[in-house]
Amino acid sequence: AVLVNIFGGIMQCTTIANALVEAYKTVGFNVPLVVRLE
């Protein structure tokens, strides 16, 4: 299982969200992914 924990200070949450979605599709996940954004 994977936990992504991101605080958008310097980096905006929209940027990391788009990166997460694209990376997820590129890599191909086979385990649960939990994401917390603030």
PDB file of all heavy atoms in Angstrom:
ATOM      1  N   ALA A   1       0.869  -1.186   0.000  1.00  0.00           N
ATOM      2  CA  ALA A   1       0.000   0.000   0.000  1.00  0.00           C
ATOM      3  C   ALA A   1       0.901   1.228   0.000  1.00  0.00           C
ATOM      4  O   ALA A   1       2.045   1.172   0.470  1.00  0.00           O
ATOM      5  CB  ALA A   1      -0.924   0.014   1.210  1.00  0.00           C
ATOM      6  N   VAL A   2       0.380   2.333  -0.546  1.00  0.00           N
ATOM      7  CA  VAL A   2       1.172   3.561  -0.640  1.00  0.00           C
ATOM      8  C   VAL A   2       0.370   4.733  -0.094  1.00  0.00           C
ATOM      9  O   VAL A   2      -0.825   4.871  -0.382  1.00  0.00           O
ATOM     10  CB  VAL A   2       1.586   3.845  -2.100  1.00  0.00           C
ATOM     11  CG1 VAL A   2       2.244   5.219  -2.221  1.00  0.00           C
ATOM     12  CG2 VAL A   2       2.525   2.763  -2.615  1.00  0.00           C
ATOM     13  N   LEU A   3       1.038   5.571   0.705  1.00  0.00           N
ATOM     14  CA  LEU A   3       0.432   6.796   1.217  1.00  0.00           C
ATOM     15  C   LEU A   3       1.188   7.992   0.651  1.00  0.00           C
ATOM     16  O   LEU A   3       2.410   8.108   0.813  1.00  0.00           O
ATOM     17  CB  LEU A   3       0.494   6.835   2.749  1.00  0.00           C
ATOM     18  CG  LEU A   3       0.086   8.164   3.408  1.00  0.00           C
ATOM     19  CD1 LEU A   3      -1.345   8.552   3.023  1.00  0.00           C
ATOM     20  CD2 LEU A   3       0.231   8.094   4.921  1.00  0.00           C
ATOM     21  N   VAL A   4       0.444   8.883  -0.023  1.00  0.00           N
ATOM     22  CA  VAL A   4       0.992  10.150  -0.502  1.00  0.00           C
ATOM     23  C   VAL A   4       0.479  11.250   0.412  1.00  0.00           C
ATOM     24  O   VAL A   4      -0.739  11.434   0.544  1.00  0.00           O
ATOM     25  CB  VAL A   4       0.583  10.421  -1.966  1.00  0.00           C
ATOM     26  CG1 VAL A   4       1.044  11.818  -2.392  1.00  0.00           C
ATOM     27  CG2 VAL A   4       1.163   9.359  -2.894  1.00  0.00           C
ATOM     28  N   ASN A   5       1.394  11.964   1.046  1.00  0.00           N
ATOM     29  CA  ASN A   5       1.024  13.030   1.975  1.00  0.00           C
ATOM     30  C   ASN A   5       1.702  14.319   1.521  1.00  0.00           C
ATOM     31  O   ASN A   5       2.909  14.480   1.670  1.00  0.00           O
ATOM     32  CB  ASN A   5       1.452  12.654   3.397  1.00  0.00           C
ATOM     33  CG  ASN A   5       1.012  13.686   4.423  1.00  0.00           C
ATOM     34  OD1 ASN A   5       0.096  14.468   4.174  1.00  0.00           O
ATOM     35  ND2 ASN A   5       1.670  13.698   5.566  1.00  0.00           N
ATOM     36  N   ILE A   6       0.923  15.231   0.952  1.00  0.00           N
ATOM     37  CA  ILE A   6       1.472  16.448   0.355  1.00  0.00           C
ATOM     38  C   ILE A   6       0.876  17.693   1.000  1.00  0.00           C
ATOM     39  O   ILE A   6      -0.347  17.821   1.129  1.00  0.00           O
ATOM     40  CB  ILE A   6       1.190  16.498  -1.169  1.00  0.00           C
ATOM     41  CG1 ILE A   6       1.860  15.316  -1.869  1.00  0.00           C
ATOM     42  CG2 ILE A   6       1.655  17.824  -1.760  1.00  0.00           C
ATOM     43  CD1 ILE A   6       3.368  15.337  -1.854  1.00  0.00           C
ATOM     44  N   PHE A   7       1.772  18.613   1.404  1.00  0.00           N
ATOM     45  CA  PHE A   7       1.333  19.939   1.835  1.00  0.00           C
ATOM     46  C   PHE A   7       1.744  20.940   0.762  1.00  0.00           C
ATOM     47  O   PHE A   7       2.933  21.128   0.499  1.00  0.00           O
ATOM     48  CB  PHE A   7       1.953  20.324   3.177  1.00  0.00           C
ATOM     49  CG  PHE A   7       1.553  21.706   3.626  1.00  0.00           C
ATOM     50  CD1 PHE A   7       0.307  21.930   4.183  1.00  0.00           C
ATOM     51  CD2 PHE A   7       2.405  22.781   3.460  1.00  0.00           C
ATOM     52  CE1 PHE A   7      -0.079  23.207   4.572  1.00  0.00           C
ATOM     53  CE2 PHE A   7       2.029  24.062   3.843  1.00  0.00           C
ATOM     54  CZ  PHE A   7       0.782  24.271   4.408  1.00  0.00           C
ATOM     55  N   GLY A   8       0.754  21.549   0.147  1.00  0.00           N
ATOM     56  CA  GLY A   8       1.017  22.489  -0.942  1.00  0.00           C
ATOM     57  C   GLY A   8       1.376  23.862  -0.429  1.00  0.00           C
ATOM     58  O   GLY A   8       0.496  24.711  -0.220  1.00  0.00           O
ATOM     59  N   GLY A   9       2.644  24.101  -0.213  1.00  0.00           N
ATOM     60  CA  GLY A   9       3.120  25.410   0.186  1.00  0.00           C
ATOM     61  C   GLY A   9       3.760  26.088  -1.012  1.00  0.00           C
ATOM     62  O   GLY A   9       3.150  26.891  -1.709  1.00  0.00           O
ATOM     63  N   ILE A  10       5.012  25.718  -1.286  1.00  0.00           N
ATOM     64  CA  ILE A  10       5.688  26.200  -2.490  1.00  0.00           C
ATOM     65  C   ILE A  10       4.983  25.650  -3.728  1.00  0.00           C
ATOM     66  O   ILE A  10       4.773  26.342  -4.716  1.00  0.00           O
ATOM     67  CB  ILE A  10       7.171  25.750  -2.483  1.00  0.00           C
ATOM     68  CG1 ILE A  10       7.892  26.314  -1.254  1.00  0.00           C
ATOM     69  CG2 ILE A  10       7.868  26.168  -3.766  1.00  0.00           C
ATOM     70  CD1 ILE A  10       9.295  25.785  -1.072  1.00  0.00           C
ATOM     71  N   MET A  11       4.602  24.389  -3.640  1.00  0.00           N
ATOM     72  CA  MET A  11       3.970  23.700  -4.760  1.00  0.00           C
ATOM     73  C   MET A  11       2.456  23.674  -4.567  1.00  0.00           C
ATOM     74  O   MET A  11       1.967  23.327  -3.490  1.00  0.00           O
ATOM     75  CB  MET A  11       4.520  22.268  -4.842  1.00  0.00           C
ATOM     76  CG  MET A  11       3.979  21.439  -5.964  1.00  0.00           C
ATOM     77  SD  MET A  11       4.938  19.912  -6.145  1.00  0.00           S
ATOM     78  CE  MET A  11       5.085  19.353  -4.452  1.00  0.00           C
ATOM     79  N   GLN A  12       1.707  24.061  -5.580  1.00  0.00           N
ATOM     80  CA  GLN A  12       0.248  24.080  -5.488  1.00  0.00           C
ATOM     81  C   GLN A  12      -0.313  22.665  -5.559  1.00  0.00           C
ATOM     82  O   GLN A  12       0.214  21.799  -6.254  1.00  0.00           O
ATOM     83  CB  GLN A  12      -0.337  24.927  -6.608  1.00  0.00           C
ATOM     84  CG  GLN A  12       0.051  26.396  -6.536  1.00  0.00           C
ATOM     85  CD  GLN A  12      -0.448  27.190  -7.723  1.00  0.00           C
ATOM     86  OE1 GLN A  12      -0.730  26.623  -8.774  1.00  0.00           O
ATOM     87  NE2 GLN A  12      -0.562  28.501  -7.565  1.00  0.00           N
ATOM     88  N   CYS A  13      -1.412  22.433  -4.846  1.00  0.00           N
ATOM     89  CA  CYS A  13      -2.026  21.111  -4.812  1.00  0.00           C
ATOM     90  C   CYS A  13      -2.535  20.680  -6.192  1.00  0.00           C
ATOM     91  O   CYS A  13      -2.574  19.482  -6.494  1.00  0.00           O
ATOM     92  CB  CYS A  13      -3.185  21.089  -3.812  1.00  0.00           C
ATOM     93  SG  CYS A  13      -2.635  21.133  -2.079  1.00  0.00           S
ATOM     94  N   THR A  14      -2.932  21.658  -7.023  1.00  0.00           N
ATOM     95  CA  THR A  14      -3.376  21.302  -8.377  1.00  0.00           C
ATOM     96  C   THR A  14      -2.231  20.700  -9.189  1.00  0.00           C
ATOM     97  O   THR A  14      -2.416  19.748  -9.946  1.00  0.00           O
ATOM     98  CB  THR A  14      -3.920  22.545  -9.097  1.00  0.00           C
ATOM     99  OG1 THR A  14      -2.975  23.624  -8.958  1.00  0.00           O
ATOM    100  CG2 THR A  14      -5.260  22.966  -8.527  1.00  0.00           C
ATOM    101  N   THR A  15      -1.041  21.251  -8.990  1.00  0.00           N
ATOM    102  CA  THR A  15       0.133  20.735  -9.701  1.00  0.00           C
ATOM    103  C   THR A  15       0.429  19.303  -9.292  1.00  0.00           C
ATOM    104  O   THR A  15       0.645  18.427 -10.141  1.00  0.00           O
ATOM    105  CB  THR A  15       1.364  21.621  -9.427  1.00  0.00           C
ATOM    106  OG1 THR A  15       1.087  22.952  -9.834  1.00  0.00           O
ATOM    107  CG2 THR A  15       2.591  21.099 -10.169  1.00  0.00           C
ATOM    108  N   ILE A  16       0.442  19.061  -7.978  1.00  0.00           N
ATOM    109  CA  ILE A  16       0.755  17.715  -7.509  1.00  0.00           C
ATOM    110  C   ILE A  16      -0.366  16.745  -7.848  1.00  0.00           C
ATOM    111  O   ILE A  16      -0.122  15.574  -8.149  1.00  0.00           O
ATOM    112  CB  ILE A  16       1.057  17.712  -5.989  1.00  0.00           C
ATOM    113  CG1 ILE A  16       1.695  16.371  -5.580  1.00  0.00           C
ATOM    114  CG2 ILE A  16      -0.183  17.973  -5.176  1.00  0.00           C
ATOM    115  CD1 ILE A  16       3.026  16.078  -6.180  1.00  0.00           C
ATOM    116  N   ALA A  17      -1.620  17.207  -7.839  1.00  0.00           N
ATOM    117  CA  ALA A  17      -2.744  16.323  -8.171  1.00  0.00           C
ATOM    118  C   ALA A  17      -2.637  15.861  -9.627  1.00  0.00           C
ATOM    119  O   ALA A  17      -2.827  14.669  -9.930  1.00  0.00           O
ATOM    120  CB  ALA A  17      -4.065  17.044  -7.939  1.00  0.00           C
ATOM    121  N   ASN A  18      -2.348  16.781 -10.523  1.00  0.00           N
ATOM    122  CA  ASN A  18      -2.172  16.405 -11.934  1.00  0.00           C
ATOM    123  C   ASN A  18      -0.988  15.452 -12.110  1.00  0.00           C
ATOM    124  O   ASN A  18      -1.061  14.487 -12.883  1.00  0.00           O
ATOM    125  CB  ASN A  18      -1.944  17.664 -12.785  1.00  0.00           C
ATOM    126  CG  ASN A  18      -3.240  18.418 -13.054  1.00  0.00           C
ATOM    127  OD1 ASN A  18      -4.271  17.805 -13.356  1.00  0.00           O
ATOM    128  ND2 ASN A  18      -3.200  19.741 -12.944  1.00  0.00           N
ATOM    129  N   ALA A  19       0.082  15.718 -11.375  1.00  0.00           N
ATOM    130  CA  ALA A  19       1.257  14.847 -11.450  1.00  0.00           C
ATOM    131  C   ALA A  19       0.940  13.455 -10.921  1.00  0.00           C
ATOM    132  O   ALA A  19       1.375  12.441 -11.497  1.00  0.00           O
ATOM    133  CB  ALA A  19       2.414  15.462 -10.658  1.00  0.00           C
ATOM    134  N   LEU A  20       0.169  13.380  -9.835  1.00  0.00           N
ATOM    135  CA  LEU A  20      -0.206  12.089  -9.263  1.00  0.00           C
ATOM    136  C   LEU A  20      -1.040  11.262 -10.233  1.00  0.00           C
ATOM    137  O   LEU A  20      -0.791  10.069 -10.427  1.00  0.00           O
ATOM    138  CB  LEU A  20      -0.987  12.294  -7.955  1.00  0.00           C
ATOM    139  CG  LEU A  20      -0.197  12.714  -6.718  1.00  0.00           C
ATOM    140  CD1 LEU A  20      -1.150  13.069  -5.588  1.00  0.00           C
ATOM    141  CD2 LEU A  20       0.743  11.596  -6.282  1.00  0.00           C
ATOM    142  N   VAL A  21      -2.020  11.904 -10.841  1.00  0.00           N
ATOM    143  CA  VAL A  21      -2.910  11.196 -11.778  1.00  0.00           C
ATOM    144  C   VAL A  21      -2.122  10.686 -12.980  1.00  0.00           C
ATOM    145  O   VAL A  21      -2.254   9.528 -13.389  1.00  0.00           O
ATOM    146  CB  VAL A  21      -4.059  12.117 -12.227  1.00  0.00           C
ATOM    147  CG1 VAL A  21      -4.862  11.463 -13.358  1.00  0.00           C
ATOM    148  CG2 VAL A  21      -4.973  12.438 -11.046  1.00  0.00           C
ATOM    149  N   GLU A  22      -1.272  11.554 -13.531  1.00  0.00           N
ATOM    150  CA  GLU A  22      -0.495  11.153 -14.703  1.00  0.00           C
ATOM    151  C   GLU A  22       0.515  10.055 -14.357  1.00  0.00           C
ATOM    152  O   GLU A  22       0.689   9.091 -15.115  1.00  0.00           O
ATOM    153  CB  GLU A  22       0.238  12.368 -15.281  1.00  0.00           C
ATOM    154  CG  GLU A  22       0.894  12.089 -16.624  1.00  0.00           C
ATOM    155  CD  GLU A  22       1.467  13.335 -17.276  1.00  0.00           C
ATOM    156  OE1 GLU A  22       1.002  14.452 -16.946  1.00  0.00           O
ATOM    157  OE2 GLU A  22       2.389  13.195 -18.102  1.00  0.00           O
ATOM    158  N   ALA A  23       1.173  10.200 -13.195  1.00  0.00           N
ATOM    159  CA  ALA A  23       2.154   9.200 -12.773  1.00  0.00           C
ATOM    160  C   ALA A  23       1.484   7.862 -12.495  1.00  0.00           C
ATOM    161  O   ALA A  23       2.022   6.799 -12.828  1.00  0.00           O
ATOM    162  CB  ALA A  23       2.896   9.692 -11.527  1.00  0.00           C
ATOM    163  N   TYR A  24       0.308   7.914 -11.894  1.00  0.00           N
ATOM    164  CA  TYR A  24      -0.455   6.687 -11.609  1.00  0.00           C
ATOM    165  C   TYR A  24      -0.720   5.925 -12.900  1.00  0.00           C
ATOM    166  O   TYR A  24      -0.533   4.714 -12.982  1.00  0.00           O
ATOM    167  CB  TYR A  24      -1.771   7.061 -10.920  1.00  0.00           C
ATOM    168  CG  TYR A  24      -2.618   5.881 -10.470  1.00  0.00           C
ATOM    169  CD1 TYR A  24      -2.654   5.522  -9.131  1.00  0.00           C
ATOM    170  CD2 TYR A  24      -3.379   5.139 -11.367  1.00  0.00           C
ATOM    171  CE1 TYR A  24      -3.433   4.457  -8.699  1.00  0.00           C
ATOM    172  CE2 TYR A  24      -4.148   4.070 -10.953  1.00  0.00           C
ATOM    173  CZ  TYR A  24      -4.178   3.737  -9.617  1.00  0.00           C
ATOM    174  OH  TYR A  24      -4.944   2.675  -9.190  1.00  0.00           O
ATOM    175  N   LYS A  25      -1.160   6.647 -13.927  1.00  0.00           N
ATOM    176  CA  LYS A  25      -1.467   6.008 -15.212  1.00  0.00           C
ATOM    177  C   LYS A  25      -0.200   5.479 -15.890  1.00  0.00           C
ATOM    178  O   LYS A  25      -0.222   4.419 -16.522  1.00  0.00           O
ATOM    179  CB  LYS A  25      -2.172   7.010 -16.136  1.00  0.00           C
ATOM    180  CG  LYS A  25      -3.559   7.423 -15.658  1.00  0.00           C
ATOM    181  CD  LYS A  25      -4.150   8.470 -16.593  1.00  0.00           C
ATOM    182  CE  LYS A  25      -5.552   8.880 -16.151  1.00  0.00           C
ATOM    183  NZ  LYS A  25      -6.131   9.932 -17.024  1.00  0.00           N
ATOM    184  N   THR A  26       0.897   6.218 -15.744  1.00  0.00           N
ATOM    185  CA  THR A  26       2.151   5.816 -16.393  1.00  0.00           C
ATOM    186  C   THR A  26       2.737   4.562 -15.764  1.00  0.00           C
ATOM    187  O   THR A  26       3.174   3.643 -16.457  1.00  0.00           O
ATOM    188  CB  THR A  26       3.187   6.955 -16.314  1.00  0.00           C
ATOM    189  OG1 THR A  26       2.657   8.122 -16.946  1.00  0.00           O
ATOM    190  CG2 THR A  26       4.494   6.557 -16.996  1.00  0.00           C
ATOM    191  N   VAL A  27       2.746   4.528 -14.437  1.00  0.00           N
ATOM    192  CA  VAL A  27       3.393   3.431 -13.718  1.00  0.00           C
ATOM    193  C   VAL A  27       2.521   2.182 -13.701  1.00  0.00           C
ATOM    194  O   VAL A  27       2.993   1.066 -13.892  1.00  0.00           O
ATOM    195  CB  VAL A  27       3.745   3.863 -12.276  1.00  0.00           C
ATOM    196  CG1 VAL A  27       4.303   2.692 -11.482  1.00  0.00           C
ATOM    197  CG2 VAL A  27       4.742   5.004 -12.312  1.00  0.00           C
ATOM    198  N   GLY A  28       1.219   2.371 -13.464  1.00  0.00           N
ATOM    199  CA  GLY A  28       0.321   1.224 -13.357  1.00  0.00           C
ATOM    200  C   GLY A  28       0.353   0.650 -11.951  1.00  0.00           C
ATOM    201  O   GLY A  28       1.198  -0.175 -11.625  1.00  0.00           O
ATOM    202  N   PHE A  29      -0.558   1.092 -11.112  1.00  0.00           N
ATOM    203  CA  PHE A  29      -0.572   0.671  -9.710  1.00  0.00           C
ATOM    204  C   PHE A  29      -1.230  -0.699  -9.553  1.00  0.00           C
ATOM    205  O   PHE A  29      -2.249  -0.990 -10.170  1.00  0.00           O
ATOM    206  CB  PHE A  29      -1.343   1.700  -8.871  1.00  0.00           C
ATOM    207  CG  PHE A  29      -0.445   2.637  -8.123  1.00  0.00           C
ATOM    208  CD1 PHE A  29       0.275   3.606  -8.797  1.00  0.00           C
ATOM    209  CD2 PHE A  29      -0.293   2.534  -6.753  1.00  0.00           C
ATOM    210  CE1 PHE A  29       1.102   4.484  -8.115  1.00  0.00           C
ATOM    211  CE2 PHE A  29       0.539   3.391  -6.055  1.00  0.00           C
ATOM    212  CZ  PHE A  29       1.238   4.375  -6.736  1.00  0.00           C
ATOM    213  N   ASN A  30      -0.644  -1.508  -8.672  1.00  0.00           N
ATOM    214  CA  ASN A  30      -1.244  -2.794  -8.334  1.00  0.00           C
ATOM    215  C   ASN A  30      -1.442  -2.940  -6.830  1.00  0.00           C
ATOM    216  O   ASN A  30      -1.688  -4.032  -6.322  1.00  0.00           O
ATOM    217  CB  ASN A  30      -0.384  -3.944  -8.857  1.00  0.00           C
ATOM    218  CG  ASN A  30       1.062  -3.851  -8.382  1.00  0.00           C
ATOM    219  OD1 ASN A  30       1.400  -2.960  -7.602  1.00  0.00           O
ATOM    220  ND2 ASN A  30       1.894  -4.766  -8.844  1.00  0.00           N
ATOM    221  N   VAL A  31      -1.299  -1.813  -6.103  1.00  0.00           N
ATOM    222  CA  VAL A  31      -1.552  -1.787  -4.658  1.00  0.00           C
ATOM    223  C   VAL A  31      -2.416  -0.571  -4.354  1.00  0.00           C
ATOM    224  O   VAL A  31      -2.467   0.387  -5.139  1.00  0.00           O
ATOM    225  CB  VAL A  31      -0.233  -1.709  -3.848  1.00  0.00           C
ATOM    226  CG1 VAL A  31       0.653  -2.911  -4.135  1.00  0.00           C
ATOM    227  CG2 VAL A  31       0.504  -0.411  -4.125  1.00  0.00           C
ATOM    228  N   PRO A  32      -3.127  -0.561  -3.208  1.00  0.00           N
ATOM    229  CA  PRO A  32      -3.957   0.596  -2.849  1.00  0.00           C
ATOM    230  C   PRO A  32      -3.119   1.870  -2.691  1.00  0.00           C
ATOM    231  O   PRO A  32      -2.006   1.829  -2.163  1.00  0.00           O
ATOM    232  CB  PRO A  32      -4.578   0.176  -1.515  1.00  0.00           C
ATOM    233  CG  PRO A  32      -4.499  -1.316  -1.495  1.00  0.00           C
ATOM    234  CD  PRO A  32      -3.258  -1.671  -2.247  1.00  0.00           C
ATOM    235  N   LEU A  33      -3.674   3.000  -3.150  1.00  0.00           N
ATOM    236  CA  LEU A  33      -3.013   4.300  -3.038  1.00  0.00           C
ATOM    237  C   LEU A  33      -3.915   5.256  -2.284  1.00  0.00           C
ATOM    238  O   LEU A  33      -5.052   5.512  -2.700  1.00  0.00           O
ATOM    239  CB  LEU A  33      -2.702   4.870  -4.420  1.00  0.00           C
ATOM    240  CG  LEU A  33      -2.187   6.316  -4.473  1.00  0.00           C
ATOM    241  CD1 LEU A  33      -0.857   6.449  -3.729  1.00  0.00           C
ATOM    242  CD2 LEU A  33      -2.030   6.791  -5.913  1.00  0.00           C
ATOM    243  N   VAL A  34      -3.413   5.767  -1.158  1.00  0.00           N
ATOM    244  CA  VAL A  34      -4.138   6.734  -0.336  1.00  0.00           C
ATOM    245  C   VAL A  34      -3.446   8.085  -0.478  1.00  0.00           C
ATOM    246  O   VAL A  34      -2.218   8.173  -0.361  1.00  0.00           O
ATOM    247  CB  VAL A  34      -4.172   6.310   1.150  1.00  0.00           C
ATOM    248  CG1 VAL A  34      -4.896   7.368   1.995  1.00  0.00           C
ATOM    249  CG2 VAL A  34      -4.838   4.951   1.302  1.00  0.00           C
ATOM    250  N   VAL A  35      -4.240   9.148  -0.736  1.00  0.00           N
ATOM    251  CA  VAL A  35      -3.671  10.478  -0.938  1.00  0.00           C
ATOM    252  C   VAL A  35      -4.296  11.474   0.029  1.00  0.00           C
ATOM    253  O   VAL A  35      -5.531  11.548   0.144  1.00  0.00           O
ATOM    254  CB  VAL A  35      -3.884  10.970  -2.385  1.00  0.00           C
ATOM    255  CG1 VAL A  35      -3.411  12.409  -2.534  1.00  0.00           C
ATOM    256  CG2 VAL A  35      -3.147  10.067  -3.363  1.00  0.00           C
ATOM    257  N   ARG A  36      -3.441  12.233   0.705  1.00  0.00           N
ATOM    258  CA  ARG A  36      -3.892  13.330   1.558  1.00  0.00           C
ATOM    259  C   ARG A  36      -3.255  14.619   1.056  1.00  0.00           C
ATOM    260  O   ARG A  36      -2.033  14.727   0.976  1.00  0.00           O
ATOM    261  CB  ARG A  36      -3.488  13.065   3.003  1.00  0.00           C
ATOM    262  CG  ARG A  36      -3.869  14.198   3.980  1.00  0.00           C
ATOM    263  CD  ARG A  36      -2.658  14.995   4.411  1.00  0.00           C
ATOM    264  NE  ARG A  36      -2.981  15.976   5.442  1.00  0.00           N
ATOM    265  CZ  ARG A  36      -2.085  16.686   6.103  1.00  0.00           C
ATOM    266  NH1 ARG A  36      -0.801  16.523   5.853  1.00  0.00           N
ATOM    267  NH2 ARG A  36      -2.457  17.579   7.003  1.00  0.00           N
ATOM    268  N   LEU A  37      -4.077  15.576   0.669  1.00  0.00           N
ATOM    269  CA  LEU A  37      -3.604  16.878   0.190  1.00  0.00           C
ATOM    270  C   LEU A  37      -4.058  17.978   1.137  1.00  0.00           C
ATOM    271  O   LEU A  37      -5.197  17.974   1.616  1.00  0.00           O
ATOM    272  CB  LEU A  37      -4.162  17.182  -1.210  1.00  0.00           C
ATOM    273  CG  LEU A  37      -3.694  16.333  -2.393  1.00  0.00           C
ATOM    274  CD1 LEU A  37      -4.415  16.787  -3.654  1.00  0.00           C
ATOM    275  CD2 LEU A  37      -2.198  16.425  -2.571  1.00  0.00           C
ATOM    276  N   GLU A  38      -3.167  18.932   1.402  1.00  0.00           N
ATOM    277  CA  GLU A  38      -3.502  20.139   2.159  1.00  0.00           C
ATOM    278  C   GLU A  38      -2.702  21.294   1.575  1.00  0.00           C
ATOM    279  O   GLU A  38      -1.640  21.087   0.985  1.00  0.00           O
ATOM    280  CB  GLU A  38      -3.172  19.983   3.649  1.00  0.00           C
ATOM    281  CG  GLU A  38      -4.012  18.973   4.394  1.00  0.00           C
ATOM    282  CD  GLU A  38      -5.468  19.381   4.543  1.00  0.00           C
ATOM    283  OE1 GLU A  38      -5.781  20.565   4.271  1.00  0.00           O
ATOM    284  OE2 GLU A  38      -6.286  18.531   4.922  1.00  0.00           O
TER     285      GLU A  38
END
